[in-house]
Amino acid sequence: MRNPSHSATFGHVLCWVDGSEEACRAAERAAHLAFSLGAKLTFLAVGTRPQRSEGFDAYARIERVSAPMPTMIDRNAAACLDQAMVIAAQVGATRTNRLTRTGDAVTAICSAARSEGADLLVIRRGRSNLLERLFGASVSDALANRCEFAVLSDG
């Protein structure tokens, strides 16, 4: 059992931004937190990978392009990522980067946190819907249970 008198230290903060106002505020707080801890900071947006069309596939064969389609993220999420990077630089968080992943949010966040070596997740405090209020399910709950990382819900 951990000794409660010892505080946890975090070396890498990962902050998920989805373009909501709450997520942008959480990103700002994550930047201040990472700076105060001297931690690495990663901002993450989860998007989708568009499907290729037959026309594009034909063009890709002619041009010998085999790379997958790039991840598409919501323009609000992209703006929030840009804003978060500026704020991180302004507060002095120098070890900062940005990532995009695809898939459902929980799986993508857990995967990115593991692959990047994050030990604290900062996410927006979401507005709960009826199912979340009835069953207690939320993104922060799912992350804490499935990913086994410390989760700070803010915004």
N, C-alpha and C. Protein backbone atom coordinates (compact mmCIF):
# COMPACT_ATOMS: atom_id res chain seq x y z
N MET A 1 0.84 -1.19 0.00
CA MET A 1 0.00 0.00 0.00
C MET A 1 0.88 1.25 0.00
N ARG A 2 0.46 2.26 -0.76
CA ARG A 2 1.23 3.49 -0.82
C ARG A 2 1.10 4.29 0.46
N ASN A 3 2.18 4.94 0.80
CA ASN A 3 2.18 5.80 1.96
C ASN A 3 1.49 7.11 1.58
N PRO A 4 0.37 7.46 2.23
CA PRO A 4 -0.36 8.67 1.85
C PRO A 4 0.39 9.95 2.14
N SER A 5 1.46 9.88 2.93
CA SER A 5 2.20 11.11 3.23
C SER A 5 3.10 11.52 2.08
N HIS A 6 3.33 10.61 1.12
CA HIS A 6 4.15 10.96 -0.04
C HIS A 6 3.26 11.41 -1.18
N SER A 7 3.56 12.56 -1.72
CA SER A 7 2.75 13.05 -2.83
C SER A 7 3.24 12.43 -4.13
N ALA A 8 2.33 12.29 -5.05
CA ALA A 8 2.67 11.74 -6.36
C ALA A 8 3.36 12.81 -7.20
N THR A 9 4.32 12.41 -7.98
CA THR A 9 4.92 13.33 -8.92
C THR A 9 4.62 12.82 -10.32
N PHE A 10 4.40 13.73 -11.20
CA PHE A 10 4.04 13.39 -12.57
C PHE A 10 5.09 13.96 -13.51
N GLY A 11 5.58 13.13 -14.40
CA GLY A 11 6.61 13.55 -15.33
C GLY A 11 6.12 13.85 -16.73
N HIS A 12 4.89 13.40 -17.03
CA HIS A 12 4.35 13.63 -18.37
C HIS A 12 2.84 13.77 -18.28
N VAL A 13 2.35 14.93 -18.63
CA VAL A 13 0.93 15.25 -18.62
C VAL A 13 0.40 15.16 -20.04
N LEU A 14 -0.66 14.40 -20.23
CA LEU A 14 -1.33 14.32 -21.53
C LEU A 14 -2.70 14.96 -21.39
N CYS A 15 -3.02 15.90 -22.26
CA CYS A 15 -4.29 16.62 -22.20
C CYS A 15 -5.07 16.40 -23.49
N TRP A 16 -6.28 15.86 -23.36
CA TRP A 16 -7.15 15.62 -24.50
C TRP A 16 -7.97 16.88 -24.78
N VAL A 17 -7.93 17.33 -26.03
CA VAL A 17 -8.75 18.47 -26.44
C VAL A 17 -9.70 18.03 -27.54
N ASP A 18 -10.96 18.39 -27.38
CA ASP A 18 -11.97 18.02 -28.37
C ASP A 18 -12.59 19.23 -29.05
N GLY A 19 -12.10 20.40 -28.76
CA GLY A 19 -12.61 21.61 -29.38
C GLY A 19 -13.66 22.34 -28.56
N SER A 20 -14.11 21.72 -27.47
CA SER A 20 -15.10 22.39 -26.62
C SER A 20 -14.41 23.48 -25.80
N GLU A 21 -15.21 24.45 -25.32
CA GLU A 21 -14.66 25.50 -24.46
C GLU A 21 -14.04 24.90 -23.21
N GLU A 22 -14.69 23.88 -22.66
CA GLU A 22 -14.18 23.23 -21.45
C GLU A 22 -12.81 22.61 -21.70
N ALA A 23 -12.64 21.98 -22.87
CA ALA A 23 -11.37 21.33 -23.20
C ALA A 23 -10.27 22.38 -23.38
N CYS A 24 -10.60 23.51 -23.98
CA CYS A 24 -9.60 24.57 -24.16
C CYS A 24 -9.17 25.13 -22.81
N ARG A 25 -10.12 25.28 -21.88
CA ARG A 25 -9.76 25.74 -20.53
C ARG A 25 -8.92 24.68 -19.81
N ALA A 26 -9.27 23.42 -19.97
CA ALA A 26 -8.49 22.34 -19.37
C ALA A 26 -7.07 22.32 -19.94
N ALA A 27 -6.92 22.60 -21.23
CA ALA A 27 -5.60 22.64 -21.85
C ALA A 27 -4.75 23.76 -21.25
N GLU A 28 -5.37 24.89 -21.01
CA GLU A 28 -4.64 26.00 -20.38
C GLU A 28 -4.18 25.60 -18.98
N ARG A 29 -5.06 24.97 -18.22
CA ARG A 29 -4.69 24.54 -16.87
C ARG A 29 -3.61 23.46 -16.92
N ALA A 30 -3.70 22.58 -17.92
CA ALA A 30 -2.68 21.53 -18.08
C ALA A 30 -1.31 22.15 -18.35
N ALA A 31 -1.28 23.22 -19.13
CA ALA A 31 -0.01 23.89 -19.43
C ALA A 31 0.60 24.47 -18.15
N HIS A 32 -0.22 25.12 -17.34
CA HIS A 32 0.27 25.68 -16.08
C HIS A 32 0.73 24.55 -15.14
N LEU A 33 -0.04 23.47 -15.10
CA LEU A 33 0.31 22.34 -14.24
C LEU A 33 1.62 21.70 -14.68
N ALA A 34 1.76 21.43 -15.97
CA ALA A 34 2.99 20.82 -16.48
C ALA A 34 4.20 21.72 -16.19
N PHE A 35 4.03 23.02 -16.38
CA PHE A 35 5.13 23.94 -16.08
C PHE A 35 5.50 23.88 -14.61
N SER A 36 4.49 23.92 -13.74
CA SER A 36 4.79 23.92 -12.30
C SER A 36 5.42 22.60 -11.84
N LEU A 37 5.12 21.50 -12.53
CA LEU A 37 5.71 20.20 -12.18
C LEU A 37 7.03 19.95 -12.90
N GLY A 38 7.34 20.79 -13.88
CA GLY A 38 8.52 20.53 -14.71
C GLY A 38 8.33 19.30 -15.58
N ALA A 39 7.07 19.04 -15.95
CA ALA A 39 6.72 17.83 -16.68
C ALA A 39 6.64 18.08 -18.18
N LYS A 40 6.80 17.01 -18.93
CA LYS A 40 6.55 17.04 -20.36
C LYS A 40 5.03 17.19 -20.55
N LEU A 41 4.62 17.81 -21.64
CA LEU A 41 3.20 18.06 -21.89
C LEU A 41 2.85 17.67 -23.31
N THR A 42 1.81 16.89 -23.45
CA THR A 42 1.32 16.49 -24.77
C THR A 42 -0.15 16.82 -24.87
N PHE A 43 -0.52 17.52 -25.94
CA PHE A 43 -1.92 17.78 -26.24
C PHE A 43 -2.36 16.77 -27.30
N LEU A 44 -3.53 16.20 -27.12
CA LEU A 44 -4.03 15.16 -28.01
C LEU A 44 -5.42 15.51 -28.52
N ALA A 45 -5.60 15.36 -29.82
CA ALA A 45 -6.93 15.47 -30.44
C ALA A 45 -7.24 14.14 -31.11
N VAL A 46 -8.47 13.70 -30.99
CA VAL A 46 -8.90 12.44 -31.60
C VAL A 46 -9.79 12.78 -32.79
N GLY A 47 -9.45 12.21 -33.92
CA GLY A 47 -10.20 12.49 -35.14
C GLY A 47 -10.59 11.22 -35.85
N THR A 48 -10.86 11.37 -37.13
CA THR A 48 -11.25 10.23 -37.96
C THR A 48 -10.32 10.16 -39.15
N ARG A 49 -10.24 9.00 -39.73
CA ARG A 49 -9.45 8.83 -40.96
C ARG A 49 -10.45 8.64 -42.09
N PRO A 50 -10.49 9.57 -43.02
CA PRO A 50 -11.48 9.46 -44.11
C PRO A 50 -11.20 8.23 -44.98
N GLN A 51 -12.25 7.68 -45.51
CA GLN A 51 -12.13 6.53 -46.41
C GLN A 51 -11.69 7.02 -47.78
N ARG A 52 -10.89 6.21 -48.42
CA ARG A 52 -10.47 6.53 -49.78
C ARG A 52 -11.59 6.18 -50.76
N SER A 53 -11.67 6.94 -51.82
CA SER A 53 -12.65 6.66 -52.86
C SER A 53 -11.95 5.90 -53.99
N GLU A 54 -12.74 5.31 -54.88
CA GLU A 54 -12.16 4.60 -56.03
C GLU A 54 -11.33 5.57 -56.87
N GLY A 55 -11.82 6.78 -57.04
CA GLY A 55 -11.10 7.78 -57.82
C GLY A 55 -9.75 8.11 -57.20
N PHE A 56 -9.75 8.26 -55.88
CA PHE A 56 -8.49 8.56 -55.21
C PHE A 56 -7.54 7.37 -55.30
N ASP A 57 -8.06 6.16 -55.13
CA ASP A 57 -7.21 4.97 -55.23
C ASP A 57 -6.55 4.86 -56.60
N ALA A 58 -7.31 5.17 -57.67
CA ALA A 58 -6.75 5.15 -59.02
C ALA A 58 -5.64 6.21 -59.14
N TYR A 59 -5.91 7.39 -58.64
CA TYR A 59 -4.91 8.46 -58.66
C TYR A 59 -3.66 8.04 -57.86
N ALA A 60 -3.87 7.44 -56.69
CA ALA A 60 -2.76 7.01 -55.84
C ALA A 60 -1.89 5.97 -56.54
N ARG A 61 -2.53 5.05 -57.28
CA ARG A 61 -1.75 4.05 -58.03
C ARG A 61 -0.90 4.71 -59.11
N ILE A 62 -1.49 5.65 -59.82
CA ILE A 62 -0.76 6.35 -60.89
C ILE A 62 0.43 7.13 -60.32
N GLU A 63 0.17 7.81 -59.21
CA GLU A 63 1.22 8.65 -58.60
C GLU A 63 2.11 7.86 -57.63
N ARG A 64 1.79 6.58 -57.44
CA ARG A 64 2.53 5.71 -56.52
C ARG A 64 2.53 6.26 -55.09
N VAL A 65 1.35 6.65 -54.66
CA VAL A 65 1.14 7.14 -53.30
C VAL A 65 0.52 6.00 -52.51
N SER A 66 1.18 5.57 -51.46
CA SER A 66 0.63 4.47 -50.67
C SER A 66 0.39 4.86 -49.22
N ALA A 67 0.68 6.09 -48.87
CA ALA A 67 0.50 6.52 -47.49
C ALA A 67 -0.98 6.54 -47.13
N PRO A 68 -1.29 6.24 -45.88
CA PRO A 68 -2.70 6.32 -45.48
C PRO A 68 -3.20 7.76 -45.48
N MET A 69 -4.50 7.89 -45.55
CA MET A 69 -5.10 9.22 -45.49
C MET A 69 -4.77 9.84 -44.14
N PRO A 70 -4.53 11.15 -44.11
CA PRO A 70 -4.21 11.79 -42.83
C PRO A 70 -5.44 11.85 -41.93
N THR A 71 -5.18 11.92 -40.64
CA THR A 71 -6.25 12.05 -39.65
C THR A 71 -6.92 13.40 -39.80
N MET A 72 -8.24 13.38 -39.81
CA MET A 72 -9.02 14.62 -39.89
C MET A 72 -9.57 14.93 -38.50
N ILE A 73 -9.29 16.13 -38.03
CA ILE A 73 -9.84 16.54 -36.74
C ILE A 73 -10.75 17.73 -36.94
N ASP A 74 -11.69 17.86 -36.04
CA ASP A 74 -12.64 18.96 -36.04
C ASP A 74 -11.87 20.29 -36.04
N ARG A 75 -12.36 21.28 -36.78
CA ARG A 75 -11.63 22.55 -36.84
C ARG A 75 -11.58 23.24 -35.47
N ASN A 76 -12.60 23.03 -34.63
CA ASN A 76 -12.54 23.60 -33.27
C ASN A 76 -11.45 22.93 -32.46
N ALA A 77 -11.29 21.62 -32.63
CA ALA A 77 -10.22 20.91 -31.93
C ALA A 77 -8.85 21.38 -32.43
N ALA A 78 -8.73 21.60 -33.74
CA ALA A 78 -7.47 22.10 -34.29
C ALA A 78 -7.15 23.49 -33.74
N ALA A 79 -8.15 24.34 -33.65
CA ALA A 79 -7.95 25.69 -33.09
C ALA A 79 -7.56 25.60 -31.63
N CYS A 80 -8.20 24.68 -30.90
CA CYS A 80 -7.89 24.49 -29.49
C CYS A 80 -6.45 23.99 -29.31
N LEU A 81 -6.02 23.07 -30.19
CA LEU A 81 -4.63 22.59 -30.16
C LEU A 81 -3.66 23.75 -30.39
N ASP A 82 -3.95 24.57 -31.39
CA ASP A 82 -3.08 25.71 -31.68
C ASP A 82 -3.01 26.66 -30.49
N GLN A 83 -4.17 26.96 -29.92
CA GLN A 83 -4.23 27.86 -28.76
C GLN A 83 -3.47 27.25 -27.58
N ALA A 84 -3.62 25.97 -27.36
CA ALA A 84 -2.95 25.30 -26.24
C ALA A 84 -1.43 25.37 -26.39
N MET A 85 -0.93 25.18 -27.62
CA MET A 85 0.51 25.25 -27.86
C MET A 85 1.04 26.66 -27.59
N VAL A 86 0.28 27.69 -27.97
CA VAL A 86 0.68 29.07 -27.72
C VAL A 86 0.71 29.34 -26.22
N ILE A 87 -0.32 28.92 -25.52
CA ILE A 87 -0.39 29.14 -24.08
C ILE A 87 0.75 28.42 -23.37
N ALA A 88 1.03 27.18 -23.78
CA ALA A 88 2.13 26.43 -23.17
C ALA A 88 3.45 27.17 -23.34
N ALA A 89 3.67 27.73 -24.52
CA ALA A 89 4.90 28.50 -24.75
C ALA A 89 4.93 29.76 -23.89
N GLN A 90 3.77 30.41 -23.74
CA GLN A 90 3.70 31.64 -22.95
C GLN A 90 3.99 31.37 -21.47
N VAL A 91 3.54 30.24 -20.95
CA VAL A 91 3.78 29.95 -19.52
C VAL A 91 5.15 29.35 -19.29
N GLY A 92 5.85 29.00 -20.36
CA GLY A 92 7.21 28.47 -20.22
C GLY A 92 7.32 26.96 -20.24
N ALA A 93 6.24 26.26 -20.62
CA ALA A 93 6.30 24.80 -20.73
C ALA A 93 7.01 24.48 -22.05
N THR A 94 8.29 24.15 -21.96
CA THR A 94 9.11 24.01 -23.16
C THR A 94 9.08 22.61 -23.77
N ARG A 95 8.75 21.60 -22.98
CA ARG A 95 8.71 20.23 -23.51
C ARG A 95 7.26 19.88 -23.86
N THR A 96 6.78 20.47 -24.93
CA THR A 96 5.37 20.34 -25.31
C THR A 96 5.27 19.84 -26.74
N ASN A 97 4.33 18.92 -26.97
CA ASN A 97 4.05 18.49 -28.34
C ASN A 97 2.57 18.23 -28.51
N ARG A 98 2.18 17.99 -29.75
CA ARG A 98 0.78 17.75 -30.07
C ARG A 98 0.67 16.47 -30.88
N LEU A 99 -0.41 15.74 -30.65
CA LEU A 99 -0.66 14.48 -31.34
C LEU A 99 -2.08 14.45 -31.87
N THR A 100 -2.29 13.66 -32.89
CA THR A 100 -3.64 13.32 -33.32
C THR A 100 -3.71 11.81 -33.41
N ARG A 101 -4.85 11.28 -33.04
CA ARG A 101 -5.10 9.84 -33.11
C ARG A 101 -6.51 9.64 -33.67
N THR A 102 -6.80 8.42 -34.08
CA THR A 102 -8.12 8.08 -34.58
C THR A 102 -8.76 7.04 -33.69
N GLY A 103 -10.07 6.92 -33.81
CA GLY A 103 -10.81 5.91 -33.05
C GLY A 103 -11.72 6.55 -32.03
N ASP A 104 -12.28 5.68 -31.16
CA ASP A 104 -13.11 6.24 -30.10
C ASP A 104 -12.20 6.91 -29.07
N ALA A 105 -12.74 7.91 -28.39
CA ALA A 105 -11.92 8.77 -27.53
C ALA A 105 -11.18 7.98 -26.46
N VAL A 106 -11.87 7.12 -25.73
CA VAL A 106 -11.23 6.41 -24.61
C VAL A 106 -10.08 5.54 -25.09
N THR A 107 -10.31 4.75 -26.13
CA THR A 107 -9.26 3.88 -26.64
C THR A 107 -8.08 4.69 -27.17
N ALA A 108 -8.36 5.75 -27.92
CA ALA A 108 -7.29 6.57 -28.49
C ALA A 108 -6.49 7.27 -27.40
N ILE A 109 -7.16 7.78 -26.37
CA ILE A 109 -6.46 8.47 -25.29
C ILE A 109 -5.59 7.48 -24.51
N CYS A 110 -6.13 6.32 -24.18
CA CYS A 110 -5.35 5.31 -23.44
C CYS A 110 -4.13 4.88 -24.24
N SER A 111 -4.33 4.63 -25.52
CA SER A 111 -3.24 4.19 -26.38
C SER A 111 -2.15 5.26 -26.47
N ALA A 112 -2.55 6.50 -26.67
CA ALA A 112 -1.58 7.59 -26.76
C ALA A 112 -0.84 7.78 -25.44
N ALA A 113 -1.57 7.71 -24.33
CA ALA A 113 -0.94 7.87 -23.02
C ALA A 113 0.12 6.79 -22.79
N ARG A 114 -0.22 5.56 -23.13
CA ARG A 114 0.75 4.46 -22.97
C ARG A 114 1.96 4.64 -23.89
N SER A 115 1.70 4.91 -25.16
CA SER A 115 2.81 5.01 -26.11
C SER A 115 3.71 6.21 -25.84
N GLU A 116 3.15 7.27 -25.28
CA GLU A 116 3.93 8.48 -24.99
C GLU A 116 4.53 8.47 -23.60
N GLY A 117 4.13 7.52 -22.75
CA GLY A 117 4.66 7.45 -21.39
C GLY A 117 4.06 8.47 -20.45
N ALA A 118 2.83 8.87 -20.71
CA ALA A 118 2.16 9.84 -19.82
C ALA A 118 1.74 9.16 -18.52
N ASP A 119 1.74 9.93 -17.45
CA ASP A 119 1.29 9.38 -16.17
C ASP A 119 0.17 10.18 -15.53
N LEU A 120 -0.26 11.25 -16.18
CA LEU A 120 -1.41 12.03 -15.73
C LEU A 120 -2.20 12.46 -16.96
N LEU A 121 -3.50 12.21 -16.95
CA LEU A 121 -4.38 12.63 -18.04
C LEU A 121 -5.21 13.81 -17.56
N VAL A 122 -5.24 14.86 -18.35
CA VAL A 122 -6.10 16.01 -18.06
C VAL A 122 -7.14 16.06 -19.16
N ILE A 123 -8.41 16.02 -18.76
CA ILE A 123 -9.50 16.07 -19.73
C ILE A 123 -10.51 17.10 -19.29
N ARG A 124 -11.37 17.46 -20.21
CA ARG A 124 -12.42 18.43 -19.89
C ARG A 124 -13.43 17.81 -18.94
N ARG A 125 -14.01 18.64 -18.14
CA ARG A 125 -15.14 18.20 -17.33
C ARG A 125 -16.34 18.32 -18.23
N GLY A 126 -16.91 17.20 -18.60
CA GLY A 126 -18.02 17.20 -19.54
C GLY A 126 -19.35 17.44 -18.88
N ARG A 127 -20.25 17.87 -19.68
CA ARG A 127 -21.63 17.97 -19.21
C ARG A 127 -22.22 16.58 -19.30
N SER A 128 -22.68 16.06 -18.21
CA SER A 128 -23.19 14.68 -18.22
C SER A 128 -24.57 14.63 -18.86
N ASN A 129 -24.79 13.55 -19.59
CA ASN A 129 -26.11 13.35 -20.17
C ASN A 129 -26.91 12.46 -19.22
N LEU A 130 -28.14 12.15 -19.57
CA LEU A 130 -29.02 11.38 -18.69
C LEU A 130 -28.44 10.01 -18.36
N LEU A 131 -27.89 9.30 -19.35
CA LEU A 131 -27.31 7.98 -19.10
C LEU A 131 -26.13 8.06 -18.14
N GLU A 132 -25.28 9.07 -18.32
CA GLU A 132 -24.14 9.22 -17.42
C GLU A 132 -24.61 9.50 -15.99
N ARG A 133 -25.66 10.31 -15.85
CA ARG A 133 -26.16 10.59 -14.50
C ARG A 133 -26.80 9.36 -13.88
N LEU A 134 -27.49 8.54 -14.69
CA LEU A 134 -28.13 7.34 -14.17
C LEU A 134 -27.14 6.23 -13.83
N PHE A 135 -26.16 6.03 -14.72
CA PHE A 135 -25.25 4.90 -14.56
C PHE A 135 -23.86 5.29 -14.11
N GLY A 136 -23.58 6.56 -13.97
CA GLY A 136 -22.29 7.01 -13.49
C GLY A 136 -21.16 6.83 -14.49
N ALA A 137 -21.47 6.62 -15.74
CA ALA A 137 -20.44 6.43 -16.76
C ALA A 137 -20.05 7.77 -17.35
N SER A 138 -18.78 8.01 -17.44
CA SER A 138 -18.28 9.22 -18.09
C SER A 138 -16.94 8.89 -18.72
N VAL A 139 -16.46 9.80 -19.55
CA VAL A 139 -15.15 9.58 -20.17
C VAL A 139 -14.08 9.48 -19.09
N SER A 140 -14.13 10.36 -18.08
CA SER A 140 -13.12 10.31 -17.01
C SER A 140 -13.19 9.00 -16.25
N ASP A 141 -14.40 8.49 -15.98
CA ASP A 141 -14.53 7.19 -15.31
C ASP A 141 -13.95 6.08 -16.18
N ALA A 142 -14.30 6.09 -17.46
CA ALA A 142 -13.81 5.06 -18.37
C ALA A 142 -12.29 5.11 -18.48
N LEU A 143 -11.72 6.32 -18.52
CA LEU A 143 -10.26 6.43 -18.59
C LEU A 143 -9.60 5.92 -17.32
N ALA A 144 -10.14 6.30 -16.19
CA ALA A 144 -9.56 5.87 -14.92
C ALA A 144 -9.65 4.35 -14.78
N ASN A 145 -10.74 3.76 -15.23
CA ASN A 145 -10.92 2.31 -15.08
C ASN A 145 -10.19 1.52 -16.15
N ARG A 146 -10.26 1.96 -17.40
CA ARG A 146 -9.65 1.19 -18.50
C ARG A 146 -8.16 1.45 -18.66
N CYS A 147 -7.73 2.66 -18.40
CA CYS A 147 -6.34 3.02 -18.66
C CYS A 147 -5.45 2.90 -17.44
N GLU A 148 -6.06 3.00 -16.29
CA GLU A 148 -5.32 2.93 -15.02
C GLU A 148 -4.29 4.05 -14.90
N PHE A 149 -4.67 5.24 -15.32
CA PHE A 149 -3.86 6.43 -15.17
C PHE A 149 -4.58 7.38 -14.21
N ALA A 150 -3.84 8.29 -13.62
CA ALA A 150 -4.46 9.34 -12.84
C ALA A 150 -5.17 10.26 -13.84
N VAL A 151 -6.42 10.63 -13.52
CA VAL A 151 -7.20 11.47 -14.42
C VAL A 151 -7.65 12.70 -13.66
N LEU A 152 -7.35 13.87 -14.23
CA LEU A 152 -7.81 15.14 -13.68
C LEU A 152 -8.84 15.69 -14.65
N SER A 153 -10.07 15.82 -14.19
CA SER A 153 -11.14 16.35 -15.00
C SER A 153 -11.31 17.81 -14.65
N ASP A 154 -11.10 18.68 -15.63
CA ASP A 154 -11.08 20.11 -15.38
C ASP A 154 -11.77 20.84 -16.52
N GLY A 155 -11.95 22.12 -16.39
CA GLY A 155 -12.50 22.92 -17.47
C GLY A 155 -13.77 23.53 -17.07
